[in-house]
C-alpha cells in the first residue's frame, strides 16, 4: 500500500551534477540523491566516470555520517543500464536482480568491498513492456540502440525491501497532454526529449 507521508528533508551534499539529501520520517531514515550527468553530446564516457567517482565518494561520506546505507539514486545518468559506468563495482555497481543485491549487499573486487545497487529499469528493455525507453535518437554509428533508458532510479541493498517496483513507471501522458507518441518517442517540440519516471516507497517492508 502506498501512503502519503511527511518527510524532514536536509540537503547534505550539493554540486553541479548531483545533490544528496537526508530524509527522515516515521517509516525509516534514508538518503536520496538526484543527479544529471554530462550529456553524451558534449562529453566522453570517461567524463561521466569521473563524475561518478566523485559522486560515490560523496555518497560514501554521507552514508558514514548518517550511520546507515539506505539510499535511493534517481535522475538522468546519460548512460544506459548496461553501460560500464552503471555496472562497474567502483561506480554505481547497479544490477538488474533485486534478490542478488539484497542478499549479497556487496562484492569484493581485488581485495576491496563495493556496495551493490538494484536497478529495476532493466525491466523496460525489449518488446514485452512499454514504453521501452526514456529517450530516443539515431546515433548513425556502427552500434545503434535507438531507444535508451538514461533516466533511472537505483536503490541500495537496504532499500530494496522498501522500493515498490510495481509502481515504477515511465510517464508518457499527463493531464496537460501526451509527452510521447504511440511509439513512445518523446514529444521534444512541446515538452522534452526525455520522459520522466515515477516510483513509490512501500509503507511496510
N, C-alpha and C. Protein backbone atom coordinates (compact mmCIF):
# COMPACT_ATOMS: atom_id res chain seq x y z
N UNK A 1 0.85 -1.19 0.00
CA UNK A 1 0.00 0.00 0.00
C UNK A 1 0.88 1.24 0.00
N UNK A 2 0.53 2.24 -0.80
CA UNK A 2 1.24 3.50 -0.83
C UNK A 2 0.48 4.51 0.00
N UNK A 3 1.22 5.29 0.76
CA UNK A 3 0.60 6.30 1.61
C UNK A 3 1.35 7.61 1.45
N UNK A 4 0.68 8.69 1.80
CA UNK A 4 1.32 10.00 1.82
C UNK A 4 1.99 10.16 3.18
N UNK A 5 3.25 10.55 3.17
CA UNK A 5 4.00 10.67 4.40
C UNK A 5 4.68 12.03 4.46
N UNK A 6 4.86 12.53 5.68
CA UNK A 6 5.58 13.76 5.87
C UNK A 6 7.06 13.45 6.06
N UNK A 7 7.88 14.18 5.35
CA UNK A 7 9.32 13.96 5.40
C UNK A 7 10.03 15.19 5.94
N UNK A 8 11.06 14.95 6.72
CA UNK A 8 12.01 16.00 7.05
C UNK A 8 13.19 15.85 6.11
N UNK A 9 13.47 16.89 5.34
CA UNK A 9 14.49 16.81 4.30
C UNK A 9 15.62 17.78 4.61
N UNK A 10 16.85 17.27 4.55
CA UNK A 10 18.02 18.10 4.78
C UNK A 10 19.02 17.90 3.63
N UNK A 11 19.38 18.98 2.97
CA UNK A 11 20.39 18.91 1.91
C UNK A 11 21.77 18.79 2.56
N UNK A 12 22.50 17.70 2.23
CA UNK A 12 23.79 17.48 2.86
C UNK A 12 24.97 17.48 1.89
N UNK A 13 24.69 17.36 0.60
CA UNK A 13 25.74 17.46 -0.42
C UNK A 13 25.13 18.13 -1.65
N UNK A 14 25.91 18.98 -2.31
CA UNK A 14 25.38 19.68 -3.49
C UNK A 14 26.54 20.00 -4.42
N UNK A 15 26.36 19.74 -5.70
CA UNK A 15 27.38 20.07 -6.70
C UNK A 15 26.68 20.35 -8.03
N UNK A 16 27.44 20.61 -9.04
CA UNK A 16 26.89 20.92 -10.36
C UNK A 16 26.11 19.74 -10.92
N UNK A 17 26.55 18.52 -10.63
CA UNK A 17 25.98 17.34 -11.28
C UNK A 17 25.10 16.49 -10.37
N UNK A 18 25.05 16.78 -9.07
CA UNK A 18 24.26 15.95 -8.18
C UNK A 18 23.98 16.67 -6.87
N UNK A 19 23.00 16.15 -6.13
CA UNK A 19 22.77 16.56 -4.75
C UNK A 19 22.41 15.32 -3.95
N UNK A 20 22.62 15.38 -2.65
CA UNK A 20 22.25 14.29 -1.74
C UNK A 20 21.50 14.89 -0.57
N UNK A 21 20.34 14.31 -0.26
CA UNK A 21 19.54 14.77 0.87
C UNK A 21 19.35 13.64 1.88
N UNK A 22 19.24 14.02 3.13
CA UNK A 22 18.88 13.09 4.19
C UNK A 22 17.38 13.20 4.43
N UNK A 23 16.69 12.06 4.43
CA UNK A 23 15.24 12.02 4.60
C UNK A 23 14.92 11.31 5.91
N UNK A 24 14.09 11.93 6.71
CA UNK A 24 13.68 11.32 7.98
C UNK A 24 12.16 11.34 8.07
N UNK A 25 11.57 10.18 8.40
CA UNK A 25 10.13 10.12 8.63
C UNK A 25 9.82 8.95 9.55
N UNK A 26 8.55 8.70 9.77
CA UNK A 26 8.15 7.63 10.68
C UNK A 26 8.49 6.25 10.13
N UNK A 27 8.63 6.12 8.81
CA UNK A 27 8.90 4.83 8.19
C UNK A 27 10.35 4.42 8.37
N UNK A 28 11.25 5.25 7.95
CA UNK A 28 12.67 4.95 8.03
C UNK A 28 13.47 6.19 7.69
N UNK A 29 14.73 6.18 8.03
CA UNK A 29 15.66 7.22 7.59
C UNK A 29 16.39 6.71 6.36
N UNK A 30 16.54 7.55 5.36
CA UNK A 30 17.29 7.14 4.18
C UNK A 30 17.87 8.37 3.49
N UNK A 31 18.75 8.13 2.55
CA UNK A 31 19.33 9.18 1.73
C UNK A 31 18.72 9.10 0.34
N UNK A 32 18.47 10.25 -0.24
CA UNK A 32 18.02 10.28 -1.63
C UNK A 32 18.91 11.24 -2.40
N UNK A 33 19.35 10.80 -3.56
CA UNK A 33 20.25 11.60 -4.39
C UNK A 33 19.62 11.84 -5.75
N UNK A 34 19.74 13.05 -6.24
CA UNK A 34 19.31 13.38 -7.60
C UNK A 34 20.53 13.77 -8.40
N UNK A 35 20.56 13.38 -9.66
CA UNK A 35 21.73 13.69 -10.47
C UNK A 35 21.37 13.96 -11.92
N UNK A 36 22.24 14.66 -12.58
CA UNK A 36 22.16 14.91 -14.02
C UNK A 36 23.59 14.94 -14.53
N UNK A 37 24.02 13.80 -15.09
CA UNK A 37 25.40 13.65 -15.50
C UNK A 37 25.66 14.26 -16.88
N UNK A 38 26.92 14.51 -17.23
CA UNK A 38 27.27 15.15 -18.50
C UNK A 38 26.65 14.45 -19.71
N UNK A 39 26.17 15.24 -20.66
CA UNK A 39 25.50 14.74 -21.85
C UNK A 39 26.45 13.98 -22.77
N UNK A 40 25.93 12.98 -23.45
CA UNK A 40 26.71 12.25 -24.44
C UNK A 40 27.08 13.13 -25.64
N UNK A 41 26.33 14.17 -25.85
CA UNK A 41 26.62 15.05 -26.99
C UNK A 41 27.89 15.86 -26.79
N UNK A 42 28.19 16.16 -25.54
CA UNK A 42 29.29 17.09 -25.28
C UNK A 42 30.39 16.50 -24.40
N UNK A 43 30.22 15.26 -23.93
CA UNK A 43 31.20 14.68 -23.02
C UNK A 43 31.48 13.23 -23.41
N UNK A 44 32.67 12.75 -23.03
CA UNK A 44 33.07 11.38 -23.28
C UNK A 44 32.63 10.50 -22.11
N UNK A 45 32.67 9.17 -22.33
CA UNK A 45 32.32 8.25 -21.26
C UNK A 45 33.20 8.46 -20.04
N UNK A 46 34.47 8.77 -20.26
CA UNK A 46 35.38 8.97 -19.15
C UNK A 46 34.95 10.17 -18.30
N UNK A 47 34.35 11.17 -18.91
CA UNK A 47 33.87 12.32 -18.15
C UNK A 47 32.78 11.89 -17.17
N UNK A 48 31.86 11.04 -17.63
CA UNK A 48 30.81 10.55 -16.74
C UNK A 48 31.40 9.67 -15.64
N UNK A 49 32.44 8.93 -15.98
CA UNK A 49 33.07 8.08 -14.98
C UNK A 49 33.74 8.91 -13.88
N UNK A 50 34.35 10.02 -14.25
CA UNK A 50 34.98 10.90 -13.27
C UNK A 50 33.93 11.48 -12.33
N UNK A 51 32.82 11.94 -12.90
CA UNK A 51 31.74 12.48 -12.07
C UNK A 51 31.17 11.38 -11.18
N UNK A 52 31.05 10.16 -11.71
CA UNK A 52 30.56 9.04 -10.91
C UNK A 52 31.48 8.74 -9.74
N UNK A 53 32.79 8.82 -9.96
CA UNK A 53 33.76 8.62 -8.89
C UNK A 53 33.56 9.66 -7.79
N UNK A 54 33.41 10.91 -8.21
CA UNK A 54 33.22 11.99 -7.25
C UNK A 54 31.91 11.80 -6.49
N UNK A 55 30.86 11.40 -7.21
CA UNK A 55 29.57 11.18 -6.57
C UNK A 55 29.65 10.06 -5.54
N UNK A 56 30.27 8.94 -5.91
CA UNK A 56 30.33 7.81 -5.00
C UNK A 56 31.16 8.14 -3.76
N UNK A 57 32.21 8.94 -3.91
CA UNK A 57 32.98 9.39 -2.74
C UNK A 57 32.09 10.20 -1.81
N UNK A 58 31.31 11.14 -2.39
CA UNK A 58 30.41 11.97 -1.59
C UNK A 58 29.32 11.12 -0.94
N UNK A 59 28.80 10.13 -1.66
CA UNK A 59 27.75 9.27 -1.12
C UNK A 59 28.28 8.43 0.04
N UNK A 60 29.47 7.86 -0.10
CA UNK A 60 30.04 7.06 0.98
C UNK A 60 30.26 7.90 2.23
N UNK A 61 30.68 9.15 2.06
CA UNK A 61 30.84 10.06 3.19
C UNK A 61 29.48 10.32 3.85
N UNK A 62 28.46 10.55 3.03
CA UNK A 62 27.12 10.82 3.54
C UNK A 62 26.56 9.61 4.28
N UNK A 63 26.81 8.42 3.76
CA UNK A 63 26.35 7.20 4.43
C UNK A 63 27.04 7.03 5.78
N UNK A 64 28.32 7.32 5.81
CA UNK A 64 29.08 7.21 7.06
C UNK A 64 28.54 8.18 8.11
N UNK A 65 28.26 9.40 7.68
CA UNK A 65 27.71 10.41 8.59
C UNK A 65 26.31 10.03 9.07
N UNK A 66 25.51 9.44 8.18
CA UNK A 66 24.14 9.08 8.53
C UNK A 66 24.08 7.83 9.40
N UNK A 67 25.11 7.00 9.32
CA UNK A 67 25.14 5.77 10.10
C UNK A 67 24.32 4.64 9.51
N UNK A 68 24.00 4.73 8.23
CA UNK A 68 23.27 3.67 7.54
C UNK A 68 23.59 3.74 6.05
N UNK A 69 23.12 2.74 5.29
CA UNK A 69 23.40 2.66 3.86
C UNK A 69 22.12 2.65 3.02
N UNK A 70 21.03 3.16 3.57
CA UNK A 70 19.77 3.20 2.81
C UNK A 70 19.80 4.36 1.83
N UNK A 71 19.79 4.04 0.53
CA UNK A 71 19.98 5.07 -0.49
C UNK A 71 19.06 4.83 -1.68
N UNK A 72 18.47 5.91 -2.19
CA UNK A 72 17.79 5.92 -3.49
C UNK A 72 18.50 6.95 -4.35
N UNK A 73 18.86 6.58 -5.57
CA UNK A 73 19.52 7.50 -6.51
C UNK A 73 18.66 7.57 -7.76
N UNK A 74 18.28 8.77 -8.18
CA UNK A 74 17.42 8.93 -9.35
C UNK A 74 17.89 10.13 -10.16
N UNK A 75 17.65 10.05 -11.48
CA UNK A 75 17.98 11.19 -12.32
C UNK A 75 18.38 10.76 -13.72
N UNK A 76 18.99 11.69 -14.42
CA UNK A 76 19.46 11.48 -15.79
C UNK A 76 20.93 11.10 -15.74
N UNK A 77 21.20 9.81 -15.84
CA UNK A 77 22.57 9.31 -15.77
C UNK A 77 23.30 9.52 -17.09
N UNK A 78 22.57 9.85 -18.16
CA UNK A 78 23.14 9.93 -19.50
C UNK A 78 23.95 8.69 -19.84
N UNK A 79 23.44 7.55 -19.40
CA UNK A 79 24.02 6.24 -19.69
C UNK A 79 22.92 5.21 -19.57
N UNK A 80 22.97 4.18 -20.37
CA UNK A 80 22.02 3.09 -20.28
C UNK A 80 22.40 2.15 -19.13
N UNK A 81 21.46 1.36 -18.63
CA UNK A 81 21.77 0.44 -17.52
C UNK A 81 22.90 -0.53 -17.82
N UNK A 82 23.13 -0.85 -19.10
CA UNK A 82 24.15 -1.83 -19.45
C UNK A 82 25.54 -1.22 -19.67
N UNK A 83 25.68 0.09 -19.53
CA UNK A 83 26.98 0.72 -19.75
C UNK A 83 27.88 0.55 -18.53
N UNK A 84 29.20 0.66 -18.78
CA UNK A 84 30.17 0.37 -17.74
C UNK A 84 30.03 1.26 -16.52
N UNK A 85 29.69 2.54 -16.72
CA UNK A 85 29.58 3.44 -15.58
C UNK A 85 28.46 2.99 -14.63
N UNK A 86 27.45 2.28 -15.15
CA UNK A 86 26.36 1.78 -14.32
C UNK A 86 26.70 0.44 -13.66
N UNK A 87 27.53 -0.35 -14.30
CA UNK A 87 27.78 -1.72 -13.85
C UNK A 87 29.06 -1.91 -13.06
N UNK A 88 30.09 -1.13 -13.34
CA UNK A 88 31.38 -1.35 -12.68
C UNK A 88 31.29 -1.17 -11.17
N UNK A 89 32.03 -2.01 -10.46
CA UNK A 89 31.99 -2.01 -9.00
C UNK A 89 32.38 -0.68 -8.40
N UNK A 90 33.34 0.00 -9.00
CA UNK A 90 33.81 1.26 -8.42
C UNK A 90 32.96 2.46 -8.83
N UNK A 91 31.93 2.22 -9.65
CA UNK A 91 30.98 3.28 -9.98
C UNK A 91 29.64 2.93 -9.31
N UNK A 92 28.57 2.77 -10.09
CA UNK A 92 27.26 2.54 -9.47
C UNK A 92 26.99 1.09 -9.11
N UNK A 93 27.67 0.15 -9.77
CA UNK A 93 27.56 -1.26 -9.40
C UNK A 93 26.09 -1.68 -9.31
N UNK A 94 25.31 -1.28 -10.32
CA UNK A 94 23.85 -1.43 -10.29
C UNK A 94 23.41 -2.61 -11.16
N UNK A 95 22.85 -3.62 -10.52
CA UNK A 95 22.49 -4.86 -11.19
C UNK A 95 20.97 -5.00 -11.36
N UNK A 96 20.53 -5.84 -12.31
CA UNK A 96 19.10 -5.98 -12.58
C UNK A 96 18.39 -7.00 -11.69
N UNK A 97 19.05 -7.52 -10.66
CA UNK A 97 18.47 -8.58 -9.85
C UNK A 97 18.35 -8.16 -8.39
N UNK A 98 17.12 -7.91 -7.94
CA UNK A 98 16.88 -7.44 -6.58
C UNK A 98 17.34 -8.47 -5.54
N UNK A 99 17.11 -9.76 -5.81
CA UNK A 99 17.45 -10.79 -4.81
C UNK A 99 18.96 -10.88 -4.60
N UNK A 100 19.73 -10.78 -5.67
CA UNK A 100 21.19 -10.85 -5.54
C UNK A 100 21.70 -9.65 -4.76
N UNK A 101 21.21 -8.47 -5.08
CA UNK A 101 21.66 -7.26 -4.39
C UNK A 101 21.28 -7.30 -2.92
N UNK A 102 20.06 -7.71 -2.63
CA UNK A 102 19.59 -7.72 -1.24
C UNK A 102 20.32 -8.77 -0.41
N UNK A 103 20.64 -9.90 -1.01
CA UNK A 103 21.29 -10.98 -0.27
C UNK A 103 22.80 -10.80 -0.15
N UNK A 104 23.44 -10.38 -1.23
CA UNK A 104 24.90 -10.23 -1.20
C UNK A 104 25.32 -8.90 -0.61
N UNK A 105 24.61 -7.83 -0.96
CA UNK A 105 24.82 -6.49 -0.43
C UNK A 105 26.11 -5.82 -0.91
N UNK A 106 27.17 -6.55 -1.03
CA UNK A 106 28.43 -6.00 -1.52
C UNK A 106 29.24 -7.10 -2.20
N UNK A 107 30.24 -6.69 -2.93
CA UNK A 107 31.08 -7.65 -3.66
C UNK A 107 32.53 -7.23 -3.52
N UNK A 108 33.38 -8.22 -3.26
CA UNK A 108 34.81 -7.93 -3.12
C UNK A 108 35.49 -8.05 -4.47
N UNK A 109 36.18 -7.00 -4.87
CA UNK A 109 36.89 -6.97 -6.14
C UNK A 109 38.34 -6.57 -5.86
N UNK A 110 39.26 -7.48 -6.16
CA UNK A 110 40.68 -7.25 -5.90
C UNK A 110 40.93 -6.76 -4.47
N UNK A 111 40.27 -7.44 -3.55
CA UNK A 111 40.52 -7.18 -2.14
C UNK A 111 39.74 -6.06 -1.50
N UNK A 112 38.91 -5.35 -2.27
CA UNK A 112 38.13 -4.23 -1.73
C UNK A 112 36.64 -4.49 -1.90
N UNK A 113 35.86 -4.20 -0.86
CA UNK A 113 34.41 -4.38 -0.92
C UNK A 113 33.72 -3.17 -1.55
N UNK A 114 32.77 -3.45 -2.43
CA UNK A 114 31.99 -2.40 -3.08
C UNK A 114 30.51 -2.70 -2.87
N UNK A 115 29.76 -1.68 -2.40
CA UNK A 115 28.33 -1.89 -2.19
C UNK A 115 27.62 -2.07 -3.54
N UNK A 116 26.51 -2.79 -3.51
CA UNK A 116 25.77 -3.08 -4.72
C UNK A 116 24.44 -2.33 -4.71
N UNK A 117 23.94 -2.03 -5.90
CA UNK A 117 22.65 -1.37 -6.06
C UNK A 117 21.76 -2.19 -6.99
N UNK A 118 20.46 -2.09 -6.75
CA UNK A 118 19.47 -2.75 -7.62
C UNK A 118 18.95 -1.73 -8.62
N UNK A 119 18.95 -2.11 -9.91
CA UNK A 119 18.46 -1.23 -10.97
C UNK A 119 17.23 -1.86 -11.64
N UNK A 120 16.03 -1.43 -11.24
CA UNK A 120 14.81 -2.00 -11.81
C UNK A 120 14.51 -1.55 -13.24
N UNK A 121 15.27 -0.58 -13.75
CA UNK A 121 14.99 -0.05 -15.08
C UNK A 121 15.27 -1.06 -16.19
N UNK A 122 16.04 -2.11 -15.90
CA UNK A 122 16.28 -3.16 -16.89
C UNK A 122 14.96 -3.77 -17.37
N UNK A 123 13.94 -3.75 -16.53
CA UNK A 123 12.67 -4.39 -16.87
C UNK A 123 11.96 -3.74 -18.04
N UNK A 124 12.37 -2.53 -18.43
CA UNK A 124 11.70 -1.84 -19.53
C UNK A 124 12.29 -2.19 -20.90
N UNK A 125 13.41 -2.87 -20.94
CA UNK A 125 14.03 -3.17 -22.23
C UNK A 125 13.25 -4.24 -22.99
N UNK A 126 13.35 -4.19 -24.31
CA UNK A 126 12.72 -5.19 -25.16
C UNK A 126 11.29 -4.84 -25.52
N UNK A 127 10.59 -5.81 -26.08
CA UNK A 127 9.24 -5.59 -26.60
C UNK A 127 8.13 -5.99 -25.63
N UNK A 128 8.47 -6.55 -24.48
CA UNK A 128 7.45 -7.11 -23.61
C UNK A 128 6.82 -6.08 -22.67
N UNK A 129 7.43 -4.91 -22.57
CA UNK A 129 6.90 -3.88 -21.68
C UNK A 129 7.02 -2.54 -22.39
N UNK A 130 6.02 -1.70 -22.27
CA UNK A 130 6.07 -0.38 -22.90
C UNK A 130 5.83 0.70 -21.87
N UNK A 131 6.36 1.90 -22.09
CA UNK A 131 7.31 2.23 -23.15
C UNK A 131 8.67 1.58 -22.90
N UNK A 132 9.50 1.55 -23.93
CA UNK A 132 10.78 0.85 -23.84
C UNK A 132 11.94 1.76 -23.46
N UNK A 133 11.70 3.06 -23.34
CA UNK A 133 12.82 3.97 -23.16
C UNK A 133 12.34 5.30 -22.60
N UNK A 134 13.31 6.11 -22.18
CA UNK A 134 13.00 7.47 -21.74
C UNK A 134 13.49 8.50 -22.75
N UNK A 135 14.30 8.09 -23.71
CA UNK A 135 14.71 8.99 -24.79
C UNK A 135 15.12 8.18 -26.01
N UNK A 136 15.05 8.79 -27.16
CA UNK A 136 15.33 8.09 -28.42
C UNK A 136 16.19 8.96 -29.32
N UNK A 137 17.16 8.34 -29.96
CA UNK A 137 17.89 9.05 -31.01
C UNK A 137 18.63 8.06 -31.89
N UNK A 138 18.84 8.46 -33.13
CA UNK A 138 19.53 7.64 -34.12
C UNK A 138 20.96 8.12 -34.17
N UNK A 139 21.87 7.34 -33.58
CA UNK A 139 23.27 7.77 -33.48
C UNK A 139 24.00 7.71 -34.81
N UNK A 140 23.52 6.84 -35.71
CA UNK A 140 24.17 6.71 -37.01
C UNK A 140 25.48 5.95 -36.97
N UNK A 141 25.87 5.43 -35.81
CA UNK A 141 27.13 4.71 -35.67
C UNK A 141 27.00 3.23 -35.97
N UNK A 142 28.11 2.50 -35.82
CA UNK A 142 28.12 1.06 -36.08
C UNK A 142 27.20 0.32 -35.11
N UNK A 143 27.10 0.83 -33.88
CA UNK A 143 26.18 0.30 -32.89
C UNK A 143 25.13 1.36 -32.59
N UNK A 144 23.87 0.98 -32.74
CA UNK A 144 22.80 1.97 -32.58
C UNK A 144 21.61 1.31 -31.88
N UNK A 145 21.33 1.73 -30.65
CA UNK A 145 20.24 1.13 -29.89
C UNK A 145 18.90 1.84 -30.12
N UNK A 146 18.93 3.02 -30.71
CA UNK A 146 17.74 3.81 -31.00
C UNK A 146 17.03 4.28 -29.72
N UNK A 147 16.63 3.34 -28.87
CA UNK A 147 15.90 3.69 -27.66
C UNK A 147 16.79 3.50 -26.43
N UNK A 148 16.76 4.50 -25.54
CA UNK A 148 17.68 4.50 -24.41
C UNK A 148 16.95 4.77 -23.10
N UNK A 149 17.49 4.20 -22.03
CA UNK A 149 16.97 4.46 -20.69
C UNK A 149 18.05 5.19 -19.90
N UNK A 150 18.14 6.49 -20.15
CA UNK A 150 19.12 7.32 -19.44
C UNK A 150 18.57 7.78 -18.09
N UNK A 151 17.25 7.88 -18.00
CA UNK A 151 16.61 8.35 -16.77
C UNK A 151 16.27 7.12 -15.93
N UNK A 152 16.89 7.01 -14.76
CA UNK A 152 16.81 5.78 -13.99
C UNK A 152 16.67 6.06 -12.50
N UNK A 153 16.27 5.02 -11.78
CA UNK A 153 16.32 5.02 -10.33
C UNK A 153 16.99 3.72 -9.91
N UNK A 154 17.93 3.81 -8.98
CA UNK A 154 18.60 2.63 -8.43
C UNK A 154 18.54 2.73 -6.91
N UNK A 155 18.54 1.57 -6.24
CA UNK A 155 18.41 1.55 -4.78
C UNK A 155 19.44 0.64 -4.17
N UNK A 156 19.89 0.99 -2.97
CA UNK A 156 20.86 0.19 -2.25
C UNK A 156 20.20 -1.06 -1.69
N UNK A 157 21.01 -2.00 -1.24
CA UNK A 157 20.50 -3.27 -0.72
C UNK A 157 19.52 -3.06 0.42
N UNK A 158 19.80 -2.10 1.30
CA UNK A 158 18.93 -1.85 2.45
C UNK A 158 17.60 -1.21 2.06
N UNK A 159 17.50 -0.66 0.85
CA UNK A 159 16.25 -0.03 0.41
C UNK A 159 15.43 -0.90 -0.53
N UNK A 160 15.95 -2.05 -0.93
CA UNK A 160 15.22 -2.92 -1.86
C UNK A 160 13.86 -3.28 -1.30
N UNK A 161 13.79 -3.62 -0.02
CA UNK A 161 12.52 -4.05 0.58
C UNK A 161 11.49 -2.93 0.68
N UNK A 162 11.93 -1.69 0.63
CA UNK A 162 11.01 -0.55 0.69
C UNK A 162 10.57 -0.08 -0.70
N UNK A 163 11.31 -0.47 -1.73
CA UNK A 163 11.06 0.04 -3.07
C UNK A 163 9.88 -0.69 -3.71
N UNK A 164 8.91 0.06 -4.19
CA UNK A 164 7.71 -0.52 -4.81
C UNK A 164 7.90 -0.56 -6.33
N UNK A 165 8.53 -1.62 -6.80
CA UNK A 165 8.86 -1.70 -8.23
C UNK A 165 7.62 -1.85 -9.11
N UNK A 166 6.51 -2.30 -8.53
CA UNK A 166 5.27 -2.44 -9.30
C UNK A 166 4.70 -1.08 -9.69
N UNK A 167 5.08 -0.04 -8.98
CA UNK A 167 4.60 1.30 -9.29
C UNK A 167 5.65 2.15 -9.98
N UNK A 168 6.71 1.53 -10.45
CA UNK A 168 7.72 2.23 -11.24
C UNK A 168 7.20 2.40 -12.67
N UNK A 169 7.17 3.62 -13.16
CA UNK A 169 6.62 3.88 -14.49
C UNK A 169 7.45 4.92 -15.23
N UNK A 170 7.48 4.75 -16.55
CA UNK A 170 7.95 5.81 -17.44
C UNK A 170 6.69 6.56 -17.88
N UNK A 171 6.64 7.83 -17.60
CA UNK A 171 5.42 8.62 -17.82
C UNK A 171 5.36 9.11 -19.26
N UNK A 172 4.27 8.79 -19.94
CA UNK A 172 4.10 9.21 -21.33
C UNK A 172 2.96 10.20 -21.52
N UNK A 173 2.15 10.37 -20.45
CA UNK A 173 1.00 11.27 -20.59
C UNK A 173 0.67 11.90 -19.24
N UNK A 174 0.29 13.18 -19.27
CA UNK A 174 -0.15 13.89 -18.08
C UNK A 174 -1.48 14.57 -18.39
N UNK A 175 -2.02 15.26 -17.41
CA UNK A 175 -3.29 15.97 -17.61
C UNK A 175 -3.14 17.10 -18.62
N UNK A 176 -1.91 17.53 -18.88
CA UNK A 176 -1.67 18.62 -19.83
C UNK A 176 -1.47 18.13 -21.26
N UNK A 177 -1.33 16.81 -21.42
CA UNK A 177 -1.16 16.29 -22.76
C UNK A 177 -0.20 15.13 -22.83
N UNK A 178 -0.01 14.62 -24.06
CA UNK A 178 0.87 13.48 -24.30
C UNK A 178 2.32 13.92 -24.34
N UNK A 179 3.16 13.25 -23.56
CA UNK A 179 4.59 13.53 -23.56
C UNK A 179 5.32 12.75 -24.63
N UNK A 180 4.62 11.74 -25.21
CA UNK A 180 5.23 10.89 -26.24
C UNK A 180 4.16 10.43 -27.21
N UNK A 181 4.58 9.98 -28.39
CA UNK A 181 3.62 9.47 -29.36
C UNK A 181 3.31 8.01 -29.05
N UNK A 182 2.56 7.36 -29.92
CA UNK A 182 2.11 5.99 -29.68
C UNK A 182 3.27 4.99 -29.66
N UNK A 183 4.40 5.37 -30.22
CA UNK A 183 5.58 4.51 -30.23
C UNK A 183 6.53 4.81 -29.07
N UNK A 184 6.13 5.74 -28.20
CA UNK A 184 6.96 6.08 -27.06
C UNK A 184 8.05 7.09 -27.34
N UNK A 185 8.00 7.73 -28.51
CA UNK A 185 9.00 8.74 -28.86
C UNK A 185 8.64 10.05 -28.16
N UNK A 186 9.53 10.62 -27.37
CA UNK A 186 9.21 11.86 -26.64
C UNK A 186 8.82 13.01 -27.56
N UNK A 187 7.87 13.79 -27.11
CA UNK A 187 7.42 14.98 -27.82
C UNK A 187 8.36 16.14 -27.47
N UNK A 188 9.50 16.17 -28.13
CA UNK A 188 10.54 17.13 -27.75
C UNK A 188 10.20 18.57 -28.14
N UNK A 189 9.32 18.73 -29.12
CA UNK A 189 8.97 20.09 -29.54
C UNK A 189 8.14 20.82 -28.48
N UNK A 190 7.24 20.10 -27.83
CA UNK A 190 6.36 20.74 -26.85
C UNK A 190 6.82 20.56 -25.42
N UNK A 191 7.55 19.46 -25.15
CA UNK A 191 7.91 19.18 -23.76
C UNK A 191 9.42 18.95 -23.60
N UNK A 192 9.89 17.75 -23.88
CA UNK A 192 11.29 17.43 -23.63
C UNK A 192 11.70 16.24 -24.49
N UNK A 193 13.00 16.08 -24.67
CA UNK A 193 13.49 14.90 -25.40
C UNK A 193 13.67 13.72 -24.45
N UNK A 194 13.35 13.91 -23.17
CA UNK A 194 13.38 12.82 -22.19
C UNK A 194 12.00 12.67 -21.57
N UNK A 195 11.67 11.42 -21.20
CA UNK A 195 10.43 11.15 -20.48
C UNK A 195 10.75 11.00 -18.99
N UNK A 196 9.87 11.50 -18.11
CA UNK A 196 10.11 11.36 -16.68
C UNK A 196 9.76 9.96 -16.18
N UNK A 197 10.26 9.62 -15.02
CA UNK A 197 9.89 8.37 -14.36
C UNK A 197 9.29 8.68 -12.99
N UNK A 198 8.43 7.79 -12.50
CA UNK A 198 7.87 7.90 -11.15
C UNK A 198 8.05 6.56 -10.44
N UNK A 199 8.19 6.61 -9.13
CA UNK A 199 8.32 5.38 -8.35
C UNK A 199 7.77 5.64 -6.95
N UNK A 200 7.55 4.57 -6.20
CA UNK A 200 6.99 4.69 -4.87
C UNK A 200 7.79 3.93 -3.83
N UNK A 201 7.54 4.25 -2.56
CA UNK A 201 8.14 3.55 -1.44
C UNK A 201 7.03 2.88 -0.65
N UNK A 202 7.24 1.65 -0.26
CA UNK A 202 6.22 0.88 0.45
C UNK A 202 6.11 1.33 1.90
N UNK A 203 4.89 1.25 2.41
CA UNK A 203 4.67 1.55 3.81
C UNK A 203 5.26 0.44 4.68
N UNK A 204 5.03 -0.81 4.29
CA UNK A 204 5.52 -1.96 5.06
C UNK A 204 6.61 -2.66 4.28
N UNK A 205 7.74 -2.84 4.92
CA UNK A 205 8.85 -3.52 4.24
C UNK A 205 8.68 -5.03 4.32
